[in-house]
């Protein structure tokens, strides 16, 4: 019995540790008919160092983690392989900054709808946690900036 308890303790001690990630204020920007892309925004807080590594939604053919950077007076949007979530710090995904880009939309996203979004977070030891959420759709002009924008490759 002692050997069984000892073996179980070693096994449990070697399991990957999941980060406790809190998602707050998730939302998706509404679209006009025939629009093929929109953004999903939220605040993420992890209790340990982790990384947002992917996203998905049934309303989009593709979902990518993006960053926006200024190049002169032009804002450029690029897909990134992941977004660091430092332990105990809130990382905001917002218009004009980091966000989840929903591409190849299968339908119009209308104000008042809720969009299912799945995000995947990975800890330093490689453990992955899948988080499912429903993000309310806000109006087209929600937190919009007035800058010229250039979109990266897809």
N, C-alpha and C. Protein backbone atom coordinates (compact mmCIF):
# COMPACT_ATOMS: atom_id res chain seq x y z
N UNK A 1 0.83 -1.20 0.00
CA UNK A 1 0.00 0.00 0.00
C UNK A 1 0.87 1.26 0.00
N UNK A 2 1.95 1.23 0.81
CA UNK A 2 2.85 2.36 0.87
C UNK A 2 3.45 2.66 -0.50
N UNK A 3 3.82 1.61 -1.24
CA UNK A 3 4.39 1.79 -2.58
C UNK A 3 3.37 2.43 -3.52
N UNK A 4 2.11 2.02 -3.42
CA UNK A 4 1.04 2.56 -4.26
C UNK A 4 0.86 4.06 -3.99
N UNK A 5 0.82 4.43 -2.72
CA UNK A 5 0.66 5.84 -2.35
C UNK A 5 1.86 6.65 -2.84
N UNK A 6 3.05 6.11 -2.66
CA UNK A 6 4.26 6.79 -3.11
C UNK A 6 4.27 6.94 -4.63
N UNK A 7 3.90 5.90 -5.35
CA UNK A 7 3.85 5.96 -6.82
C UNK A 7 2.81 6.98 -7.27
N UNK A 8 1.66 7.00 -6.60
CA UNK A 8 0.60 7.95 -6.94
C UNK A 8 1.08 9.38 -6.68
N UNK A 9 1.77 9.61 -5.58
CA UNK A 9 2.28 10.94 -5.26
C UNK A 9 3.27 11.41 -6.32
N UNK A 10 4.17 10.52 -6.76
CA UNK A 10 5.12 10.91 -7.82
C UNK A 10 4.41 11.19 -9.12
N UNK A 11 3.40 10.40 -9.45
CA UNK A 11 2.64 10.59 -10.69
C UNK A 11 1.91 11.93 -10.66
N UNK A 12 1.22 12.21 -9.58
CA UNK A 12 0.47 13.47 -9.49
C UNK A 12 1.41 14.67 -9.48
N UNK A 13 2.56 14.51 -8.85
CA UNK A 13 3.53 15.60 -8.80
C UNK A 13 4.12 15.94 -10.14
N UNK A 14 4.08 15.01 -11.09
CA UNK A 14 4.70 15.25 -12.39
C UNK A 14 3.69 15.67 -13.46
N UNK A 15 2.43 15.79 -13.10
CA UNK A 15 1.44 16.23 -14.07
C UNK A 15 1.66 17.71 -14.39
N UNK A 16 1.38 18.10 -15.63
CA UNK A 16 1.55 19.52 -15.97
C UNK A 16 0.57 20.37 -15.16
N UNK A 17 1.00 21.55 -14.79
CA UNK A 17 0.16 22.46 -14.01
C UNK A 17 -0.54 23.43 -14.95
N UNK A 18 -1.86 23.50 -14.82
CA UNK A 18 -2.62 24.43 -15.64
C UNK A 18 -2.61 25.80 -14.99
N UNK A 19 -2.60 26.81 -15.81
CA UNK A 19 -2.72 28.18 -15.31
C UNK A 19 -4.18 28.45 -15.02
N UNK A 20 -4.44 29.21 -13.99
CA UNK A 20 -5.80 29.66 -13.72
C UNK A 20 -5.94 30.99 -14.44
N UNK A 21 -6.64 30.98 -15.56
CA UNK A 21 -6.77 32.17 -16.40
C UNK A 21 -8.19 32.73 -16.26
N UNK A 22 -8.26 34.01 -15.96
CA UNK A 22 -9.55 34.69 -15.86
C UNK A 22 -9.75 35.52 -17.12
N UNK A 23 -10.93 35.37 -17.71
CA UNK A 23 -11.30 36.16 -18.89
C UNK A 23 -12.37 37.15 -18.44
N UNK A 24 -12.17 38.43 -18.72
CA UNK A 24 -13.13 39.46 -18.33
C UNK A 24 -13.46 40.33 -19.54
N UNK A 25 -14.69 40.83 -19.55
CA UNK A 25 -15.15 41.82 -20.54
C UNK A 25 -14.89 41.40 -21.99
N UNK A 26 -15.15 40.14 -22.30
CA UNK A 26 -14.99 39.68 -23.69
C UNK A 26 -16.11 40.26 -24.54
N UNK A 27 -15.77 40.67 -25.76
CA UNK A 27 -16.77 41.16 -26.71
C UNK A 27 -16.24 41.06 -28.13
N UNK A 28 -17.14 41.08 -29.08
CA UNK A 28 -16.81 41.02 -30.51
C UNK A 28 -17.45 42.22 -31.18
N UNK A 29 -16.74 42.82 -32.14
CA UNK A 29 -17.28 43.98 -32.86
C UNK A 29 -18.25 43.51 -33.95
N UNK A 30 -19.40 44.16 -34.04
CA UNK A 30 -20.40 43.86 -35.07
C UNK A 30 -19.84 44.10 -36.46
N UNK A 31 -20.46 43.48 -37.46
CA UNK A 31 -20.04 43.66 -38.85
C UNK A 31 -21.21 44.15 -39.70
N UNK A 32 -20.90 44.57 -40.91
CA UNK A 32 -21.92 44.90 -41.90
C UNK A 32 -22.09 43.67 -42.79
N UNK A 33 -23.19 43.57 -43.54
CA UNK A 33 -23.36 42.42 -44.43
C UNK A 33 -22.16 42.27 -45.38
N UNK A 34 -21.76 41.05 -45.62
CA UNK A 34 -20.66 40.69 -46.52
C UNK A 34 -19.27 40.96 -45.95
N UNK A 35 -19.16 41.56 -44.77
CA UNK A 35 -17.85 41.79 -44.16
C UNK A 35 -17.26 40.43 -43.78
N UNK A 36 -15.99 40.24 -44.02
CA UNK A 36 -15.35 38.93 -43.82
C UNK A 36 -14.44 38.85 -42.61
N UNK A 37 -14.33 39.92 -41.82
CA UNK A 37 -13.44 39.88 -40.66
C UNK A 37 -13.95 40.81 -39.57
N UNK A 38 -13.63 40.44 -38.34
CA UNK A 38 -13.92 41.30 -37.19
C UNK A 38 -12.95 40.93 -36.07
N UNK A 39 -13.02 41.68 -34.99
CA UNK A 39 -12.12 41.43 -33.87
C UNK A 39 -12.87 40.98 -32.63
N UNK A 40 -12.18 40.17 -31.82
CA UNK A 40 -12.67 39.78 -30.49
C UNK A 40 -11.69 40.36 -29.47
N UNK A 41 -12.25 40.90 -28.41
CA UNK A 41 -11.46 41.64 -27.43
C UNK A 41 -11.81 41.14 -26.03
N UNK A 42 -10.86 41.25 -25.10
CA UNK A 42 -11.08 40.77 -23.73
C UNK A 42 -9.90 41.16 -22.87
N UNK A 43 -10.04 40.92 -21.57
CA UNK A 43 -8.92 41.06 -20.63
C UNK A 43 -8.60 39.68 -20.08
N UNK A 44 -7.32 39.32 -20.09
CA UNK A 44 -6.87 38.01 -19.62
C UNK A 44 -5.91 38.19 -18.45
N UNK A 45 -6.14 37.43 -17.38
CA UNK A 45 -5.25 37.44 -16.23
C UNK A 45 -4.95 36.00 -15.86
N UNK A 46 -3.67 35.67 -15.76
CA UNK A 46 -3.23 34.31 -15.42
C UNK A 46 -2.52 34.32 -14.08
N UNK A 47 -2.70 33.24 -13.31
CA UNK A 47 -2.02 33.18 -12.00
C UNK A 47 -0.57 32.71 -12.12
N UNK A 48 -0.18 32.24 -13.30
CA UNK A 48 1.22 31.87 -13.54
C UNK A 48 1.58 32.29 -14.96
N UNK A 49 2.87 32.35 -15.25
CA UNK A 49 3.29 32.73 -16.60
C UNK A 49 2.68 31.76 -17.60
N UNK A 50 2.06 32.31 -18.61
CA UNK A 50 1.40 31.50 -19.63
C UNK A 50 1.44 32.27 -20.94
N UNK A 51 0.81 31.69 -21.95
CA UNK A 51 0.82 32.30 -23.28
C UNK A 51 -0.48 31.95 -23.98
N UNK A 52 -1.15 32.95 -24.56
CA UNK A 52 -2.30 32.71 -25.42
C UNK A 52 -1.75 32.22 -26.75
N UNK A 53 -2.06 30.97 -27.13
CA UNK A 53 -1.43 30.39 -28.32
C UNK A 53 -2.38 30.21 -29.50
N UNK A 54 -3.68 30.18 -29.25
CA UNK A 54 -4.60 30.05 -30.39
C UNK A 54 -6.02 30.42 -29.97
N UNK A 55 -6.85 30.56 -31.00
CA UNK A 55 -8.26 30.89 -30.79
C UNK A 55 -9.06 30.26 -31.93
N UNK A 56 -10.35 30.08 -31.69
CA UNK A 56 -11.24 29.55 -32.72
C UNK A 56 -12.66 30.02 -32.42
N UNK A 57 -13.48 30.05 -33.46
CA UNK A 57 -14.90 30.38 -33.31
C UNK A 57 -15.67 29.75 -34.45
N UNK A 58 -16.85 29.21 -34.18
CA UNK A 58 -17.63 28.61 -35.25
C UNK A 58 -18.14 29.63 -36.28
N UNK A 59 -18.08 30.93 -35.97
CA UNK A 59 -18.53 31.94 -36.93
C UNK A 59 -17.44 32.31 -37.93
N UNK A 60 -16.21 31.82 -37.70
CA UNK A 60 -15.07 32.20 -38.54
C UNK A 60 -14.35 30.96 -39.07
N UNK A 61 -13.88 31.05 -40.30
CA UNK A 61 -13.07 29.98 -40.86
C UNK A 61 -11.69 29.94 -40.23
N UNK A 62 -11.21 31.11 -39.81
CA UNK A 62 -9.87 31.23 -39.22
C UNK A 62 -9.95 32.23 -38.07
N UNK A 63 -9.22 31.95 -36.99
CA UNK A 63 -9.06 32.90 -35.90
C UNK A 63 -7.58 32.98 -35.58
N UNK A 64 -7.06 34.20 -35.45
CA UNK A 64 -5.64 34.40 -35.20
C UNK A 64 -5.44 35.43 -34.09
N UNK A 65 -4.35 35.26 -33.36
CA UNK A 65 -3.94 36.27 -32.38
C UNK A 65 -3.16 37.33 -33.17
N UNK A 66 -3.56 38.59 -33.01
CA UNK A 66 -2.95 39.69 -33.77
C UNK A 66 -2.42 40.78 -32.85
N UNK A 67 -1.48 41.55 -33.40
CA UNK A 67 -1.02 42.77 -32.76
C UNK A 67 -1.14 43.89 -33.78
N UNK A 68 -1.31 45.09 -33.27
CA UNK A 68 -1.31 46.27 -34.14
C UNK A 68 -0.15 47.15 -33.72
N UNK A 69 0.60 47.61 -34.71
CA UNK A 69 1.75 48.48 -34.45
C UNK A 69 1.70 49.66 -35.40
N UNK A 70 2.24 50.77 -34.96
CA UNK A 70 2.30 51.96 -35.80
C UNK A 70 3.57 51.94 -36.64
N UNK A 71 3.42 52.22 -37.93
CA UNK A 71 4.55 52.37 -38.85
C UNK A 71 4.37 53.75 -39.48
N UNK A 72 5.02 54.73 -38.89
CA UNK A 72 4.76 56.12 -39.30
C UNK A 72 3.37 56.49 -38.83
N UNK A 73 2.50 56.91 -39.76
CA UNK A 73 1.13 57.23 -39.38
C UNK A 73 0.15 56.16 -39.86
N UNK A 74 0.68 54.97 -40.18
CA UNK A 74 -0.16 53.86 -40.63
C UNK A 74 -0.13 52.76 -39.57
N UNK A 75 -1.31 52.31 -39.18
CA UNK A 75 -1.40 51.21 -38.24
C UNK A 75 -1.39 49.90 -39.01
N UNK A 76 -0.49 48.98 -38.64
CA UNK A 76 -0.38 47.69 -39.30
C UNK A 76 -0.82 46.58 -38.35
N UNK A 77 -1.52 45.61 -38.91
CA UNK A 77 -2.01 44.48 -38.14
C UNK A 77 -1.30 43.22 -38.62
N UNK A 78 -0.76 42.44 -37.68
CA UNK A 78 -0.03 41.22 -38.04
C UNK A 78 -0.41 40.07 -37.11
N UNK A 79 -0.49 38.86 -37.67
CA UNK A 79 -0.68 37.66 -36.85
C UNK A 79 0.60 37.41 -36.07
N UNK A 80 0.45 36.96 -34.83
CA UNK A 80 1.60 36.61 -34.00
C UNK A 80 1.41 35.18 -33.49
N UNK A 81 2.51 34.46 -33.21
CA UNK A 81 2.38 33.06 -32.79
C UNK A 81 1.79 32.88 -31.39
N UNK A 82 1.77 33.93 -30.60
CA UNK A 82 1.22 33.84 -29.26
C UNK A 82 1.39 35.15 -28.53
N UNK A 83 0.74 35.25 -27.39
CA UNK A 83 0.77 36.48 -26.59
C UNK A 83 1.08 36.10 -25.16
N UNK A 84 2.19 36.64 -24.62
CA UNK A 84 2.58 36.34 -23.25
C UNK A 84 1.55 36.87 -22.25
N UNK A 85 1.27 36.04 -21.25
CA UNK A 85 0.40 36.41 -20.14
C UNK A 85 1.23 36.30 -18.85
N UNK A 86 1.92 37.37 -18.46
CA UNK A 86 2.76 37.31 -17.25
C UNK A 86 1.90 37.05 -16.00
N UNK A 87 2.42 36.26 -15.10
CA UNK A 87 1.70 35.91 -13.87
C UNK A 87 1.22 37.14 -13.13
N UNK A 88 -0.08 37.14 -12.80
CA UNK A 88 -0.65 38.19 -11.98
C UNK A 88 -0.91 39.51 -12.68
N UNK A 89 -0.59 39.62 -13.97
CA UNK A 89 -0.79 40.87 -14.69
C UNK A 89 -1.93 40.70 -15.69
N UNK A 90 -2.75 41.71 -15.83
CA UNK A 90 -3.85 41.67 -16.78
C UNK A 90 -3.35 42.14 -18.14
N UNK A 91 -3.62 41.34 -19.17
CA UNK A 91 -3.26 41.69 -20.54
C UNK A 91 -4.57 42.01 -21.25
N UNK A 92 -4.64 43.20 -21.82
CA UNK A 92 -5.87 43.63 -22.47
C UNK A 92 -5.78 43.46 -23.98
N UNK A 93 -6.74 42.75 -24.53
CA UNK A 93 -6.91 42.63 -25.98
C UNK A 93 -7.96 43.66 -26.33
N UNK A 94 -7.56 44.69 -27.11
CA UNK A 94 -8.45 45.82 -27.35
C UNK A 94 -8.23 46.36 -28.76
N UNK A 95 -9.21 47.11 -29.28
CA UNK A 95 -9.02 47.74 -30.58
C UNK A 95 -7.76 48.62 -30.56
N UNK A 96 -6.96 48.50 -31.60
CA UNK A 96 -5.73 49.27 -31.69
C UNK A 96 -4.56 48.61 -30.99
N UNK A 97 -4.75 47.40 -30.47
CA UNK A 97 -3.68 46.68 -29.78
C UNK A 97 -3.76 45.20 -30.10
N UNK A 98 -3.43 44.39 -29.11
CA UNK A 98 -3.57 42.94 -29.28
C UNK A 98 -5.05 42.59 -29.36
N UNK A 99 -5.39 41.58 -30.16
CA UNK A 99 -6.77 41.14 -30.29
C UNK A 99 -6.81 39.78 -30.96
N UNK A 100 -7.98 39.16 -30.96
CA UNK A 100 -8.19 37.94 -31.73
C UNK A 100 -8.92 38.36 -32.99
N UNK A 101 -8.34 38.05 -34.13
CA UNK A 101 -8.94 38.40 -35.42
C UNK A 101 -9.75 37.21 -35.91
N UNK A 102 -11.03 37.43 -36.18
CA UNK A 102 -11.92 36.41 -36.72
C UNK A 102 -12.04 36.67 -38.21
N UNK A 103 -11.53 35.74 -39.02
CA UNK A 103 -11.45 35.91 -40.47
C UNK A 103 -12.32 34.89 -41.18
N UNK A 104 -12.62 35.18 -42.44
CA UNK A 104 -13.46 34.30 -43.25
C UNK A 104 -14.78 34.03 -42.53
N UNK A 105 -15.43 35.14 -42.13
CA UNK A 105 -16.69 35.02 -41.40
C UNK A 105 -17.73 34.26 -42.22
N UNK A 106 -18.47 33.40 -41.55
CA UNK A 106 -19.49 32.58 -42.20
C UNK A 106 -20.85 33.25 -42.20
N UNK A 107 -20.98 34.33 -41.43
CA UNK A 107 -22.25 35.05 -41.33
C UNK A 107 -21.98 36.44 -40.79
N UNK A 108 -22.96 37.31 -40.93
CA UNK A 108 -22.84 38.63 -40.34
C UNK A 108 -22.90 38.50 -38.82
N UNK A 109 -22.10 39.28 -38.14
CA UNK A 109 -22.08 39.31 -36.68
C UNK A 109 -22.85 40.57 -36.28
N UNK A 110 -24.00 40.37 -35.64
CA UNK A 110 -24.90 41.49 -35.37
C UNK A 110 -24.90 41.89 -33.90
N UNK A 111 -25.03 43.21 -33.68
CA UNK A 111 -25.12 43.73 -32.33
C UNK A 111 -26.23 42.99 -31.58
N UNK A 112 -25.93 42.59 -30.35
CA UNK A 112 -26.90 41.86 -29.54
C UNK A 112 -26.71 40.35 -29.57
N UNK A 113 -26.02 39.84 -30.61
CA UNK A 113 -25.71 38.40 -30.67
C UNK A 113 -24.64 38.06 -29.64
N UNK A 114 -24.45 36.77 -29.44
CA UNK A 114 -23.32 36.27 -28.67
C UNK A 114 -22.52 35.35 -29.56
N UNK A 115 -21.20 35.52 -29.57
CA UNK A 115 -20.32 34.72 -30.41
C UNK A 115 -19.51 33.76 -29.53
N UNK A 116 -19.60 32.44 -29.81
CA UNK A 116 -18.74 31.51 -29.08
C UNK A 116 -17.29 31.69 -29.53
N UNK A 117 -16.39 31.78 -28.58
CA UNK A 117 -14.96 31.90 -28.86
C UNK A 117 -14.24 30.92 -27.94
N UNK A 118 -13.29 30.20 -28.51
CA UNK A 118 -12.46 29.28 -27.74
C UNK A 118 -11.03 29.79 -27.81
N UNK A 119 -10.41 29.94 -26.65
CA UNK A 119 -9.00 30.32 -26.63
C UNK A 119 -8.20 29.19 -25.97
N UNK A 120 -6.94 29.08 -26.37
CA UNK A 120 -6.05 28.06 -25.81
C UNK A 120 -4.86 28.78 -25.19
N UNK A 121 -4.61 28.46 -23.91
CA UNK A 121 -3.51 29.04 -23.16
C UNK A 121 -2.53 27.93 -22.82
N UNK A 122 -1.24 28.23 -22.97
CA UNK A 122 -0.20 27.24 -22.69
C UNK A 122 0.73 27.76 -21.59
N UNK A 123 1.04 26.89 -20.61
CA UNK A 123 1.98 27.25 -19.54
C UNK A 123 3.40 26.94 -20.00
N UNK A 124 4.37 27.38 -19.22
CA UNK A 124 5.78 27.18 -19.56
C UNK A 124 6.15 25.71 -19.70
N UNK A 125 5.45 24.83 -18.96
CA UNK A 125 5.77 23.39 -19.03
C UNK A 125 5.00 22.68 -20.15
N UNK A 126 4.29 23.44 -20.99
CA UNK A 126 3.62 22.86 -22.14
C UNK A 126 2.19 22.43 -21.92
N UNK A 127 1.68 22.58 -20.70
CA UNK A 127 0.28 22.21 -20.43
C UNK A 127 -0.63 23.21 -21.14
N UNK A 128 -1.64 22.69 -21.81
CA UNK A 128 -2.59 23.56 -22.53
C UNK A 128 -3.96 23.52 -21.88
N UNK A 129 -4.56 24.69 -21.78
CA UNK A 129 -5.89 24.83 -21.22
C UNK A 129 -6.78 25.47 -22.27
N UNK A 130 -7.93 24.86 -22.51
CA UNK A 130 -8.90 25.40 -23.45
C UNK A 130 -10.00 26.11 -22.67
N UNK A 131 -10.28 27.36 -23.06
CA UNK A 131 -11.28 28.16 -22.38
C UNK A 131 -12.37 28.52 -23.38
N UNK A 132 -13.59 28.16 -23.07
CA UNK A 132 -14.74 28.45 -23.93
C UNK A 132 -15.47 29.65 -23.35
N UNK A 133 -15.83 30.61 -24.20
CA UNK A 133 -16.60 31.75 -23.73
C UNK A 133 -17.60 32.18 -24.77
N UNK A 134 -18.56 32.95 -24.34
CA UNK A 134 -19.53 33.56 -25.25
C UNK A 134 -19.35 35.07 -25.12
N UNK A 135 -18.98 35.68 -26.22
CA UNK A 135 -18.69 37.11 -26.23
C UNK A 135 -19.86 37.88 -26.84
N UNK A 136 -20.44 38.83 -26.11
CA UNK A 136 -21.51 39.64 -26.68
C UNK A 136 -20.98 40.51 -27.82
N UNK A 137 -21.84 40.80 -28.78
CA UNK A 137 -21.47 41.62 -29.92
C UNK A 137 -21.85 43.07 -29.63
N UNK A 138 -20.86 43.94 -29.77
CA UNK A 138 -21.07 45.37 -29.56
C UNK A 138 -21.18 46.07 -30.91
N UNK A 139 -21.67 47.32 -30.92
CA UNK A 139 -21.85 48.05 -32.19
C UNK A 139 -20.54 48.23 -32.95
N UNK A 140 -20.68 48.48 -34.23
CA UNK A 140 -19.53 48.71 -35.11
C UNK A 140 -18.59 49.78 -34.58
N UNK A 141 -19.13 50.82 -33.99
CA UNK A 141 -18.30 51.94 -33.54
C UNK A 141 -17.77 51.77 -32.12
N UNK A 142 -17.94 50.60 -31.53
CA UNK A 142 -17.48 50.39 -30.15
C UNK A 142 -15.96 50.52 -30.08
N UNK A 143 -15.49 51.44 -29.28
CA UNK A 143 -14.07 51.67 -29.01
C UNK A 143 -13.24 51.76 -30.28
N UNK A 144 -13.81 52.29 -31.33
CA UNK A 144 -13.10 52.38 -32.61
C UNK A 144 -12.16 53.57 -32.60
N UNK A 145 -11.03 53.41 -33.26
CA UNK A 145 -10.09 54.51 -33.42
C UNK A 145 -10.26 55.11 -34.79
N UNK A 146 -9.73 56.29 -35.01
CA UNK A 146 -9.88 56.94 -36.30
C UNK A 146 -8.61 56.92 -37.13
N UNK A 147 -7.75 55.91 -36.97
CA UNK A 147 -6.49 55.86 -37.69
C UNK A 147 -6.60 55.05 -38.98
N UNK A 148 -5.75 55.37 -39.93
CA UNK A 148 -5.64 54.58 -41.15
C UNK A 148 -5.05 53.23 -40.76
N UNK A 149 -5.51 52.15 -41.40
CA UNK A 149 -5.07 50.83 -41.00
C UNK A 149 -4.61 50.02 -42.20
N UNK A 150 -3.56 49.23 -42.00
CA UNK A 150 -3.08 48.31 -43.02
C UNK A 150 -3.06 46.92 -42.40
N UNK A 151 -3.59 45.93 -43.11
CA UNK A 151 -3.69 44.58 -42.59
C UNK A 151 -2.57 43.72 -43.11
N UNK A 152 -2.00 42.87 -42.27
CA UNK A 152 -0.91 41.97 -42.66
C UNK A 152 -1.38 40.83 -43.52
N UNK A 153 -0.46 39.92 -43.85
CA UNK A 153 -0.75 38.76 -44.70
C UNK A 153 -1.63 37.75 -43.98
N UNK A 154 -2.45 37.04 -44.76
CA UNK A 154 -3.25 35.95 -44.20
C UNK A 154 -3.15 34.74 -45.07
